[in-house]
């Protein structure tokens, strides 16, 4: 039987964790004061990227996906309350109806023609886009031939110039091409084939990701650089900030950061007379397959068409209500019942396990939110939910561990967490960091690297943190730190620590990378072989 003093120590530890977690919830739910930008008299913003693929399972990669006219009309009616204009990226899959729908609302359209690998498809896109521009000249205020085609290396500069010249010769609507600013600098010849330059300014996606504090100065630097390089008018075709997703060095996705960046940008654009388009109108879940979690959360509206924030007044990161409390009380009840079932009636033991139950319940609530955001397909649901479940079972095993002193289930669960942590650490390494952007890769090699590239993966802190704390510090306080004589733990831990350290070295300003290294270190401490160990 464990000593009462050990149980009290452990209880105090859990109560401190509860206080920290409660403070985090409180802080995340507090409205944050942000600057209110100066808006036009009608209160509307310039333009916003629009795509209708926000329903479950919808993606432009499935050719049979076609947006209903009624949906486009409903979406544009909503957007017309906040914007004067929408930008599209293609004229396929029902998007050819956007100019007609926009004209009924008095909105303008930046009409996009998607250019990819296939010439036949590209030719059809350009021809239809030109035909729509000519049919709705009062609505289509710009024809954007190609979006980041050179960045994706799907066509050459000469091919793009030919398409742009074709459009120039076939319509009176201004013609442009859209790409990130570095690729405009690499392909200055394109300027002669466009009426104005459409540049993308995305501080989060830079090779050197920008912090929220430096995002606007970075945008100013980009525009200044472009202005010195080119003589034709500049248009910011994309700018924005994600509300959820992976930290990239000092660049942190969050709802407050998204609102802060966009508000500051709108004010700066007003002061400097920039014309701009924000990315994007509505969250696009399908983009998570391309860019990880963060790809699906650039919208000003969520997939239920609810506005994430307003452009005036304070903004809170989360709106949890009573949900954390309900989950915490459920955890409390479960762990107290498990403790009583072990015929443990001592107050410090009940307090120890009850407090652990509160932590487990509240953490499970956070984990569920993480799984909803990060799991993109069935395999990821199985893997990530499996890790989460292993951690919860490890915590549910603690009442029995306290009652018996040791058990083999704790050994097995710890091994699962250490093994999963090692694999996770390897997959989190942003491997594209080792490959210069200009290096040409065989498509198959590029696909393999993309598939395992940690640049698009979140640090799953929510899944590992509490089990790691409990099995390292918690069991140490109880005098039950699980010890094993199995040498395989040492190898797994060395690999996990090394790869976690590489992640931090590559992104030294990434707080999630630092915390992940801490989690891996806790798991290593809990499972490192010791003399005289027993299972």
Protein backbone atom coordinates (compact mmCIF):
# COMPACT_ATOMS: atom_id res chain seq x y z
CA UNK A 1 0.00 0.00 0.00
CA UNK A 2 1.28 3.42 -0.92
CA UNK A 3 2.22 5.78 1.86
CA UNK A 4 -0.19 8.59 2.62
CA UNK A 5 2.55 11.21 2.21
CA UNK A 6 3.20 10.03 -1.36
CA UNK A 7 -0.48 10.28 -2.20
CA UNK A 8 -0.61 13.84 -0.83
CA UNK A 9 2.42 14.82 -2.89
CA UNK A 10 0.82 13.37 -5.99
CA UNK A 11 -2.50 15.08 -5.25
CA UNK A 12 -0.78 18.47 -4.94
CA UNK A 13 0.95 17.84 -8.28
CA UNK A 14 -2.40 17.11 -9.96
CA UNK A 15 -4.06 20.12 -8.36
CA UNK A 16 -1.28 22.33 -9.74
CA UNK A 17 -1.86 20.84 -13.20
CA UNK A 18 -5.60 21.49 -12.85
CA UNK A 19 -4.90 25.11 -11.92
CA UNK A 20 -2.64 25.51 -14.97
CA UNK A 21 -5.17 23.87 -17.29
CA UNK A 22 -8.03 25.95 -15.87
CA UNK A 23 -5.99 29.11 -16.37
CA UNK A 24 -5.29 28.09 -19.96
CA UNK A 25 -9.01 27.57 -20.66
CA UNK A 26 -9.83 30.89 -18.98
CA UNK A 27 -7.16 32.73 -20.95
CA UNK A 28 -8.19 31.18 -24.26
CA UNK A 29 -11.79 32.25 -23.70
CA UNK A 30 -10.98 35.85 -22.79
CA UNK A 31 -11.72 38.50 -25.45
CA UNK A 32 -8.53 40.15 -26.67
CA UNK A 33 -8.56 43.82 -27.60
CA UNK A 34 -7.40 44.34 -31.20
CA UNK A 35 -7.10 47.50 -33.30
CA UNK A 36 -10.19 48.42 -35.32
CA UNK A 37 -9.21 49.17 -38.94
CA UNK A 38 -10.50 52.16 -40.85
CA UNK A 39 -13.06 50.81 -43.31
CA UNK A 40 -14.70 52.45 -46.35
CA UNK A 41 -17.98 54.28 -45.85
CA UNK A 42 -19.97 51.18 -46.84
CA UNK A 43 -17.96 49.07 -44.38
CA UNK A 44 -16.91 46.62 -47.10
CA UNK A 45 -13.50 45.15 -47.88
CA UNK A 46 -11.89 44.94 -51.33
CA UNK A 47 -12.09 41.32 -52.43
CA UNK A 48 -11.95 37.74 -51.12
CA UNK A 49 -11.03 34.34 -52.57
CA UNK A 50 -14.10 32.16 -53.03
CA UNK A 51 -14.45 28.43 -53.58
CA UNK A 52 -17.64 26.43 -52.85
CA UNK A 53 -15.94 23.19 -51.75
CA UNK A 54 -16.52 23.37 -48.00
CA UNK A 55 -19.02 20.55 -47.53
CA UNK A 56 -18.07 17.13 -46.21
CA UNK A 57 -16.01 15.21 -48.76
CA UNK A 58 -16.15 17.99 -51.35
CA UNK A 59 -13.00 18.65 -53.35
CA UNK A 60 -12.15 20.06 -56.78
CA UNK A 61 -9.93 17.01 -57.29
CA UNK A 62 -13.07 14.92 -57.90
CA UNK A 63 -14.18 15.84 -61.42
CA UNK A 64 -17.83 15.08 -60.70
CA UNK A 65 -17.93 17.70 -57.93
CA UNK A 66 -20.09 20.53 -59.27
CA UNK A 67 -21.27 23.50 -57.21
CA UNK A 68 -25.02 24.08 -57.33
CA UNK A 69 -26.16 27.46 -58.57
CA UNK A 70 -28.26 27.85 -55.43
CA UNK A 71 -25.20 27.38 -53.23
CA UNK A 72 -23.17 29.92 -55.20
CA UNK A 73 -26.02 32.43 -54.95
CA UNK A 74 -26.36 31.87 -51.21
CA UNK A 75 -22.61 32.14 -50.62
CA UNK A 76 -22.23 35.32 -52.65
CA UNK A 77 -25.24 36.85 -50.94
CA UNK A 78 -23.49 36.29 -47.61
CA UNK A 79 -20.14 37.59 -48.89
CA UNK A 80 -21.73 40.65 -50.45
CA UNK A 81 -22.46 41.90 -46.93
CA UNK A 82 -18.71 42.22 -46.28
CA UNK A 83 -17.01 42.38 -49.70
CA UNK A 84 -17.40 44.20 -53.00
CA UNK A 85 -15.66 41.47 -54.99
CA UNK A 86 -14.76 37.77 -55.09
CA UNK A 87 -11.81 36.02 -56.69
CA UNK A 88 -12.19 32.57 -58.24
CA UNK A 89 -9.48 30.17 -59.37
CA UNK A 90 -11.24 28.17 -62.07
CA UNK A 91 -14.26 28.22 -64.35
CA UNK A 92 -14.94 24.48 -64.10
CA UNK A 93 -17.25 22.50 -61.81
CA UNK A 94 -19.99 25.10 -61.71
CA UNK A 95 -17.79 28.13 -61.09
CA UNK A 96 -18.65 29.52 -64.52
CA UNK A 97 -21.89 30.68 -62.87
CA UNK A 98 -20.11 33.03 -60.45
CA UNK A 99 -20.02 36.07 -62.80
CA UNK A 100 -23.77 35.83 -63.43
CA UNK A 101 -24.58 35.38 -59.73
CA UNK A 102 -22.24 38.24 -58.77
CA UNK A 103 -23.78 40.57 -61.37
CA UNK A 104 -27.20 40.16 -59.73
CA UNK A 105 -25.69 41.39 -56.44
CA UNK A 106 -23.67 44.22 -57.91
CA UNK A 107 -20.41 42.46 -57.01
CA UNK A 108 -17.25 42.37 -59.10
CA UNK A 109 -15.30 39.20 -59.97
CA UNK A 110 -11.62 38.47 -60.41
CA UNK A 111 -12.08 35.51 -62.73
CA UNK A 112 -9.45 32.79 -62.58
CA UNK A 113 -8.45 30.26 -65.22
CA UNK A 114 -6.70 27.25 -63.68
CA UNK A 115 -3.51 26.21 -65.44
CA UNK A 116 -2.02 22.82 -64.61
CA UNK A 117 -0.06 20.06 -66.33
CA UNK A 118 -2.63 19.06 -68.99
CA UNK A 119 -2.65 21.27 -72.11
CA UNK A 120 -6.12 20.24 -73.28
CA UNK A 121 -7.65 21.14 -69.92
CA UNK A 122 -5.68 24.40 -69.79
CA UNK A 123 -6.87 25.40 -73.27
CA UNK A 124 -10.51 24.79 -72.28
CA UNK A 125 -10.08 26.84 -69.08
CA UNK A 126 -8.57 29.83 -70.88
CA UNK A 127 -11.15 29.80 -73.68
CA UNK A 128 -14.11 29.63 -71.28
CA UNK A 129 -12.62 32.27 -68.99
CA UNK A 130 -12.17 34.63 -71.94
CA UNK A 131 -15.73 33.95 -73.11
CA UNK A 132 -17.12 34.74 -69.61
CA UNK A 133 -15.01 37.89 -69.33
CA UNK A 134 -16.42 39.11 -72.62
CA UNK A 135 -19.98 38.14 -71.67
CA UNK A 136 -19.82 39.97 -68.31
CA UNK A 137 -17.42 42.88 -68.91
CA UNK A 138 -19.14 45.04 -66.28
CA UNK A 139 -18.75 42.33 -63.62
CA UNK A 140 -15.39 40.71 -64.43
CA UNK A 141 -12.85 43.37 -63.46
CA UNK A 142 -9.81 41.15 -63.93
CA UNK A 143 -8.90 37.91 -65.71
CA UNK A 144 -6.28 35.89 -63.80
CA UNK A 145 -4.63 33.36 -66.09
CA UNK A 146 -2.91 30.84 -63.82
CA UNK A 147 -2.32 30.71 -60.09
CA UNK A 148 1.16 29.86 -58.73
CA UNK A 149 1.82 27.72 -61.81
CA UNK A 150 5.53 28.55 -61.82
CA UNK A 151 5.79 27.91 -58.10
CA UNK A 152 4.30 24.44 -58.62
CA UNK A 153 6.52 23.95 -61.72
CA UNK A 154 3.53 22.77 -63.75
CA UNK A 155 4.29 24.98 -66.77
CA UNK A 156 7.19 27.05 -68.07
CA UNK A 157 7.48 30.81 -68.28
CA UNK A 158 7.13 30.69 -72.09
CA UNK A 159 3.89 28.69 -71.89
CA UNK A 160 2.42 31.15 -69.39
CA UNK A 161 3.39 34.14 -71.53
CA UNK A 162 1.65 32.52 -74.52
CA UNK A 163 -1.58 32.01 -72.53
CA UNK A 164 -1.44 35.57 -71.22
CA UNK A 165 -0.91 36.97 -74.73
CA UNK A 166 -3.84 34.90 -75.98
CA UNK A 167 -6.06 36.44 -73.31
CA UNK A 168 -4.75 39.94 -74.01
CA UNK A 169 -5.66 39.58 -77.67
CA UNK A 170 -9.13 38.17 -76.97
CA UNK A 171 -10.64 40.48 -74.33
CA UNK A 172 -10.72 44.07 -73.15
CA UNK A 173 -10.80 42.91 -69.51
CA UNK A 174 -7.44 43.51 -67.74
CA UNK A 175 -5.30 40.35 -67.74
CA UNK A 176 -2.86 39.24 -65.05
CA UNK A 177 -0.99 36.24 -63.62
CA UNK A 178 -0.82 35.38 -59.87
CA UNK A 179 2.16 34.00 -57.97
CA UNK A 180 4.19 34.47 -54.81
CA UNK A 181 6.49 37.46 -54.86
CA UNK A 182 9.75 35.50 -55.14
CA UNK A 183 8.59 33.91 -58.39
CA UNK A 184 7.70 37.25 -59.89
CA UNK A 185 11.27 38.32 -59.14
CA UNK A 186 12.55 35.15 -60.83
CA UNK A 187 10.38 35.69 -63.92
CA UNK A 188 10.38 39.43 -64.65
CA UNK A 189 9.57 38.82 -68.35
CA UNK A 190 5.97 38.08 -67.32
CA UNK A 191 5.43 41.78 -66.66
CA UNK A 192 5.28 42.48 -70.39
CA UNK A 193 2.37 40.04 -70.82
CA UNK A 194 0.08 41.41 -68.07
CA UNK A 195 -1.84 44.61 -67.39
CA UNK A 196 -1.00 44.49 -63.69
CA UNK A 197 0.99 42.24 -61.36
CA UNK A 198 -0.90 39.99 -58.97
CA UNK A 199 1.38 39.07 -56.08
CA UNK A 200 0.73 36.75 -53.15
CA UNK A 201 1.93 37.93 -49.73
CA UNK A 202 1.59 35.12 -47.17
CA UNK A 203 3.87 35.67 -44.16
CA UNK A 204 2.97 32.28 -42.67
CA UNK A 205 4.09 30.35 -45.78
CA UNK A 206 7.39 32.14 -46.31
CA UNK A 207 10.56 30.02 -46.40
CA UNK A 208 11.41 32.12 -43.36
CA UNK A 209 8.02 32.11 -41.61
CA UNK A 210 7.14 35.46 -40.07
CA UNK A 211 5.80 36.01 -36.57
CA UNK A 212 2.51 37.84 -36.20
CA UNK A 213 4.43 40.88 -34.91
CA UNK A 214 6.58 41.02 -38.04
CA UNK A 215 3.89 40.04 -40.56
CA UNK A 216 2.82 43.54 -41.57
CA UNK A 217 6.41 44.90 -41.79
CA UNK A 218 7.15 41.87 -43.99
CA UNK A 219 4.19 42.69 -46.25
CA UNK A 220 5.46 46.28 -46.50
CA UNK A 221 8.93 44.99 -47.41
CA UNK A 222 7.49 42.77 -50.14
CA UNK A 223 5.44 45.57 -51.65
CA UNK A 224 8.38 47.95 -51.51
CA UNK A 225 10.62 45.39 -53.22
CA UNK A 226 8.04 44.68 -55.92
CA UNK A 227 7.46 48.39 -56.47
CA UNK A 228 11.17 48.97 -57.05
CA UNK A 229 11.41 46.02 -59.45
CA UNK A 230 8.30 46.45 -61.61
CA UNK A 231 6.68 49.46 -63.23
CA UNK A 232 3.16 48.10 -63.72
CA UNK A 233 0.48 48.40 -61.00
CA UNK A 234 0.61 45.92 -58.12
CA UNK A 235 -2.34 43.96 -56.78
CA UNK A 236 -2.11 41.75 -53.69
CA UNK A 237 -3.91 38.66 -54.94
CA UNK A 238 -3.70 36.68 -51.70
CA UNK A 239 -2.95 37.58 -48.14
CA UNK A 240 -4.23 36.15 -44.89
CA UNK A 241 -3.46 34.11 -41.82
CA UNK A 242 -4.62 30.63 -40.69
CA UNK A 243 -6.72 30.20 -37.55
CA UNK A 244 -5.72 26.57 -36.79
CA UNK A 245 -2.72 24.40 -37.62
CA UNK A 246 0.97 23.75 -37.27
CA UNK A 247 3.34 26.35 -35.86
CA UNK A 248 6.07 27.20 -38.38
CA UNK A 249 8.97 28.53 -36.36
CA UNK A 250 7.69 31.85 -34.96
CA UNK A 251 4.57 31.83 -37.15
CA UNK A 252 1.61 30.74 -35.02
CA UNK A 253 -1.85 29.96 -36.44
CA UNK A 254 -4.66 31.10 -34.16
CA UNK A 255 -7.99 32.85 -34.40
CA UNK A 256 -6.72 35.92 -32.56
CA UNK A 257 -3.64 36.07 -34.80
CA UNK A 258 -5.82 35.71 -37.89
CA UNK A 259 -8.05 38.58 -36.78
CA UNK A 260 -5.04 40.66 -35.73
CA UNK A 261 -3.22 40.22 -39.05
CA UNK A 262 -6.23 40.90 -41.24
CA UNK A 263 -7.26 43.97 -39.26
CA UNK A 264 -3.74 45.39 -39.35
CA UNK A 265 -3.42 44.55 -43.03
CA UNK A 266 -6.69 46.28 -43.93
CA UNK A 267 -5.55 49.40 -42.08
CA UNK A 268 -2.13 49.32 -43.77
CA UNK A 269 -3.75 48.79 -47.17
CA UNK A 270 -5.96 51.82 -46.52
CA UNK A 271 -2.98 53.95 -45.48
CA UNK A 272 -0.81 52.89 -48.44
CA UNK A 273 -3.61 52.69 -51.00
CA UNK A 274 -3.02 48.99 -51.74
CA UNK A 275 -5.60 47.01 -53.70
CA UNK A 276 -5.99 43.55 -52.25
CA UNK A 277 -7.78 40.22 -52.09
CA UNK A 278 -8.00 38.27 -48.83
CA UNK A 279 -7.64 34.51 -48.62
CA UNK A 280 -10.14 33.23 -48.09
CA UNK A 281 -13.92 33.45 -47.76
CA UNK A 282 -14.82 30.03 -46.32
CA UNK A 283 -12.67 27.32 -44.73
CA UNK A 284 -11.71 24.64 -47.27
CA UNK A 285 -11.32 21.23 -45.56
CA UNK A 286 -10.02 19.59 -48.77
CA UNK A 287 -6.89 21.73 -48.63
CA UNK A 288 -5.77 19.81 -45.54
CA UNK A 289 -4.78 16.98 -47.89
CA UNK A 290 -2.30 19.35 -49.56
CA UNK A 291 -1.09 21.52 -46.70
CA UNK A 292 -1.90 19.64 -43.51
CA UNK A 293 -4.35 20.89 -40.90
CA UNK A 294 -3.51 24.52 -41.54
CA UNK A 295 -4.68 24.36 -45.16
CA UNK A 296 -8.29 24.04 -44.14
CA UNK A 297 -8.47 27.05 -41.82
CA UNK A 298 -7.77 30.26 -43.75
CA UNK A 299 -11.41 31.26 -44.06
CA UNK A 300 -13.14 34.27 -42.56
CA UNK A 301 -16.16 31.98 -42.26
CA UNK A 302 -16.20 28.39 -41.01
CA UNK A 303 -17.84 25.53 -42.91
CA UNK A 304 -21.18 26.34 -41.23
CA UNK A 305 -20.91 29.82 -42.79
CA UNK A 306 -20.53 31.40 -39.36
CA UNK A 307 -18.22 34.42 -39.22
CA UNK A 308 -15.11 33.60 -37.17
CA UNK A 309 -14.67 37.21 -36.04
CA UNK A 310 -15.70 40.75 -36.82
CA UNK A 311 -13.47 43.60 -37.90
CA UNK A 312 -14.37 45.64 -34.86
CA UNK A 313 -14.30 44.80 -31.16
CA UNK A 314 -12.38 42.19 -29.12
CA UNK A 315 -11.84 38.59 -30.28
CA UNK A 316 -11.59 35.45 -28.11
CA UNK A 317 -9.48 32.48 -29.23
CA UNK A 318 -12.02 29.90 -28.01
CA UNK A 319 -15.68 29.78 -27.02
CA UNK A 320 -15.86 26.64 -24.91
CA UNK A 321 -18.74 27.52 -22.60
CA UNK A 322 -19.34 24.77 -20.02
CA UNK A 323 -17.92 21.94 -22.13
CA UNK A 324 -14.53 21.66 -20.35
CA UNK A 325 -16.31 21.54 -16.97
CA UNK A 326 -18.71 18.83 -18.14
CA UNK A 327 -15.87 16.68 -19.49
CA UNK A 328 -13.82 17.27 -16.32
CA UNK A 329 -16.69 16.25 -14.02
CA UNK A 330 -17.27 13.14 -16.11
CA UNK A 331 -13.60 12.23 -15.69
CA UNK A 332 -13.85 12.87 -11.95
CA UNK A 333 -16.79 10.48 -11.62
CA UNK A 334 -15.08 7.73 -13.66
CA UNK A 335 -11.83 7.82 -11.68
CA UNK A 336 -13.51 7.97 -8.28
CA UNK A 337 -15.60 4.93 -9.22
CA UNK A 338 -12.49 3.06 -10.41
CA UNK A 339 -10.69 3.90 -7.16
CA UNK A 340 -13.59 2.77 -4.99
CA UNK A 341 -13.81 -0.44 -7.01
CA UNK A 342 -10.25 -1.15 -5.85
CA UNK A 343 -11.53 -0.91 -2.27
CA UNK A 344 -9.50 2.23 -1.69
CA UNK A 345 -11.25 4.53 0.78
CA UNK A 346 -8.45 6.81 1.99
CA UNK A 347 -9.09 10.50 1.40
CA UNK A 348 -5.67 11.27 -0.18
CA UNK A 349 -6.11 8.34 -2.59
CA UNK A 350 -9.58 9.53 -3.61
CA UNK A 351 -8.27 13.08 -3.98
CA UNK A 352 -5.32 11.85 -6.04
CA UNK A 353 -7.45 9.83 -8.45
CA UNK A 354 -10.30 12.34 -8.51
CA UNK A 355 -7.93 15.12 -9.53
CA UNK A 356 -6.43 12.84 -12.17
CA UNK A 357 -9.95 12.21 -13.45
CA UNK A 358 -10.57 15.95 -13.79
CA UNK A 359 -7.34 16.30 -15.76
CA UNK A 360 -8.13 13.30 -17.96
CA UNK A 361 -11.66 14.50 -18.76
CA UNK A 362 -10.64 18.07 -19.58
CA UNK A 363 -7.68 16.84 -21.63
CA UNK A 364 -9.92 14.42 -23.54
CA UNK A 365 -12.05 17.42 -24.52
CA UNK A 366 -8.96 19.16 -25.95
CA UNK A 367 -7.88 15.94 -27.65
CA UNK A 368 -11.25 15.57 -29.34
CA UNK A 369 -10.90 19.07 -30.79
CA UNK A 370 -7.40 18.21 -31.98
CA UNK A 371 -8.60 15.00 -33.66
CA UNK A 372 -11.39 16.86 -35.47
CA UNK A 373 -8.92 19.43 -36.81
CA UNK A 374 -5.94 17.20 -37.60
CA UNK A 375 -7.43 13.90 -38.83
CA UNK A 376 -7.78 14.13 -42.60
CA UNK A 377 -8.65 10.55 -43.55
CA UNK A 378 -9.54 7.17 -42.09
CA UNK A 379 -5.91 6.18 -41.54
CA UNK A 380 -5.10 9.36 -39.62
CA UNK A 381 -8.24 8.93 -37.53
CA UNK A 382 -7.16 5.39 -36.66
CA UNK A 383 -3.57 6.36 -35.84
CA UNK A 384 -4.22 9.60 -33.95
CA UNK A 385 -7.28 8.29 -32.14
CA UNK A 386 -5.29 5.16 -31.28
CA UNK A 387 -2.53 7.22 -29.69
CA UNK A 388 -5.10 9.25 -27.79
CA UNK A 389 -6.84 6.08 -26.62
CA UNK A 390 -3.53 4.51 -25.52
CA UNK A 391 -2.82 7.59 -23.42
CA UNK A 392 -6.29 7.58 -21.84
CA UNK A 393 -6.06 3.86 -21.05
CA UNK A 394 -2.63 4.49 -19.51
CA UNK A 395 -4.26 7.08 -17.23
CA UNK A 396 -7.24 4.83 -16.47
CA UNK A 397 -4.74 2.19 -15.38
CA UNK A 398 -3.31 4.39 -12.62
CA UNK A 399 -5.91 3.47 -9.96
CA UNK A 400 -4.94 -0.19 -10.40
CA UNK A 401 -1.25 0.73 -10.46
CA UNK A 402 -1.60 2.53 -7.16
CA UNK A 403 -3.49 -0.40 -5.64
CA UNK A 404 -0.96 -3.03 -6.77
CA UNK A 405 2.26 -1.07 -6.83
CA UNK A 406 3.24 -2.42 -10.27
CA UNK A 407 1.49 -4.10 -13.21
CA UNK A 408 2.43 -5.28 -16.68
CA UNK A 409 -0.26 -3.21 -18.39
CA UNK A 410 1.61 -0.05 -17.36
CA UNK A 411 4.75 -1.49 -18.96
CA UNK A 412 2.91 -2.26 -22.22
CA UNK A 413 1.17 1.10 -22.42
CA UNK A 414 4.38 2.98 -21.77
CA UNK A 415 6.09 0.99 -24.50
CA UNK A 416 3.29 1.91 -26.94
CA UNK A 417 3.64 5.60 -26.08
CA UNK A 418 7.42 5.55 -26.40
CA UNK A 419 7.25 3.72 -29.75
CA UNK A 420 4.54 6.08 -31.05
CA UNK A 421 6.55 9.06 -29.82
CA UNK A 422 9.63 7.88 -31.70
CA UNK A 423 7.71 7.46 -34.97
CA UNK A 424 5.92 10.77 -34.47
CA UNK A 425 9.20 12.61 -33.84
CA UNK A 426 10.65 11.27 -37.09
CA UNK A 427 7.55 12.25 -39.08
CA UNK A 428 7.60 15.77 -37.62
CA UNK A 429 10.97 16.65 -39.18
CA UNK A 430 10.34 19.21 -41.96
CA UNK A 431 12.33 17.27 -44.55
CA UNK A 432 11.78 19.81 -47.32
CA UNK A 433 14.07 22.08 -45.31
CA UNK A 434 16.99 19.98 -46.52
CA UNK A 435 16.12 20.47 -50.19
CA UNK A 436 16.67 23.85 -51.88
CA UNK A 437 13.52 25.24 -53.49
CA UNK A 438 15.05 25.38 -56.96
CA UNK A 439 16.16 21.73 -57.06
CA UNK A 440 14.25 19.70 -59.64
CA UNK A 441 13.02 16.36 -58.28
CA UNK A 442 11.64 13.32 -60.06
CA UNK A 443 7.84 13.40 -59.54
CA UNK A 444 7.87 10.08 -57.66
CA UNK A 445 10.69 11.21 -55.36
CA UNK A 446 8.90 14.49 -54.79
CA UNK A 447 5.69 12.64 -53.92
CA UNK A 448 7.42 10.39 -51.38
CA UNK A 449 9.13 13.37 -49.72
CA UNK A 450 5.86 15.31 -49.66
CA UNK A 451 4.03 12.37 -48.09
CA UNK A 452 6.42 12.10 -45.15
CA UNK A 453 7.30 15.79 -44.86
CA UNK A 454 6.79 17.12 -41.34
CA UNK A 455 6.29 20.62 -42.75
CA UNK A 456 2.59 19.77 -42.94
CA UNK A 457 2.18 17.86 -39.66
CA UNK A 458 1.07 19.22 -36.29
CA UNK A 459 2.90 18.56 -33.06
CA UNK A 460 0.38 16.29 -31.26
CA UNK A 461 1.06 17.72 -27.80
CA UNK A 462 -2.54 17.27 -26.68
CA UNK A 463 -2.33 13.50 -27.21
CA UNK A 464 0.90 12.87 -25.31
CA UNK A 465 1.36 15.58 -22.69
CA UNK A 466 -0.76 14.31 -19.78
CA UNK A 467 0.30 10.62 -20.02
CA UNK A 468 3.94 11.71 -20.22
CA UNK A 469 3.60 13.96 -17.17
CA UNK A 470 1.81 11.27 -15.18
CA UNK A 471 4.13 8.38 -16.04
CA UNK A 472 7.26 10.45 -15.45
CA UNK A 473 6.66 13.03 -12.72
CA UNK A 474 3.45 11.60 -11.27
CA UNK A 475 4.78 8.09 -10.68
CA UNK A 476 8.05 9.51 -9.40
CA UNK A 477 6.13 11.42 -6.72
CA UNK A 478 4.27 8.22 -5.85
CA UNK A 479 7.49 6.24 -5.70
CA UNK A 480 6.22 4.04 -8.51
CA UNK A 481 8.25 5.34 -11.42
CA UNK A 482 7.92 2.50 -13.86
CA UNK A 483 11.30 0.88 -14.46
CA UNK A 484 12.14 -1.65 -17.13
CA UNK A 485 15.21 -3.71 -17.97
CA UNK A 486 14.35 -3.87 -21.68
CA UNK A 487 17.16 -2.39 -23.77
CA UNK A 488 14.82 -1.59 -26.70
CA UNK A 489 13.50 1.36 -24.72
CA UNK A 490 16.92 2.96 -24.75
CA UNK A 491 17.19 2.77 -28.56
CA UNK A 492 13.67 4.06 -29.11
CA UNK A 493 14.25 6.95 -26.73
CA UNK A 494 17.57 7.92 -28.32
CA UNK A 495 15.95 8.04 -31.76
CA UNK A 496 12.95 9.99 -30.44
CA UNK A 497 15.11 12.51 -28.61
CA UNK A 498 17.44 12.97 -31.58
CA UNK A 499 14.63 13.55 -34.06
CA UNK A 500 12.76 15.86 -31.66
CA UNK A 501 15.97 17.84 -31.22
CA UNK A 502 16.37 18.11 -35.01
CA UNK A 503 12.84 19.57 -35.21
CA UNK A 504 13.79 22.21 -32.66
CA UNK A 505 17.12 23.00 -34.35
CA UNK A 506 15.33 23.52 -37.68
CA UNK A 507 12.70 25.73 -36.04
CA UNK A 508 14.30 27.21 -32.91
CA UNK A 509 11.49 29.75 -32.39
CA UNK A 510 8.75 27.12 -32.55
CA UNK A 511 7.34 26.75 -29.03
CA UNK A 512 5.54 23.56 -30.02
CA UNK A 513 8.85 22.02 -31.12
CA UNK A 514 10.34 22.91 -27.73
CA UNK A 515 7.36 21.47 -25.84
CA UNK A 516 7.47 18.33 -27.98
CA UNK A 517 11.11 17.80 -27.03
CA UNK A 518 9.99 18.13 -23.41
CA UNK A 519 7.27 15.49 -23.86
CA UNK A 520 9.73 13.07 -25.49
CA UNK A 521 12.20 13.71 -22.66
CA UNK A 522 9.49 12.88 -20.10
CA UNK A 523 8.69 9.61 -21.85
CA UNK A 524 12.39 8.79 -21.98
CA UNK A 525 12.77 9.54 -18.28
CA UNK A 526 9.78 7.33 -17.45
CA UNK A 527 11.08 4.36 -19.45
CA UNK A 528 14.86 4.60 -19.27
CA UNK A 529 16.44 1.31 -18.05
CA UNK A 530 17.63 1.31 -14.44
CA UNK A 531 19.49 -1.20 -12.31
CA UNK A 532 17.34 -3.23 -10.00
CA UNK A 533 14.29 -2.66 -12.14
CA UNK A 534 11.22 -4.78 -11.73
CA UNK A 535 8.07 -5.12 -13.80
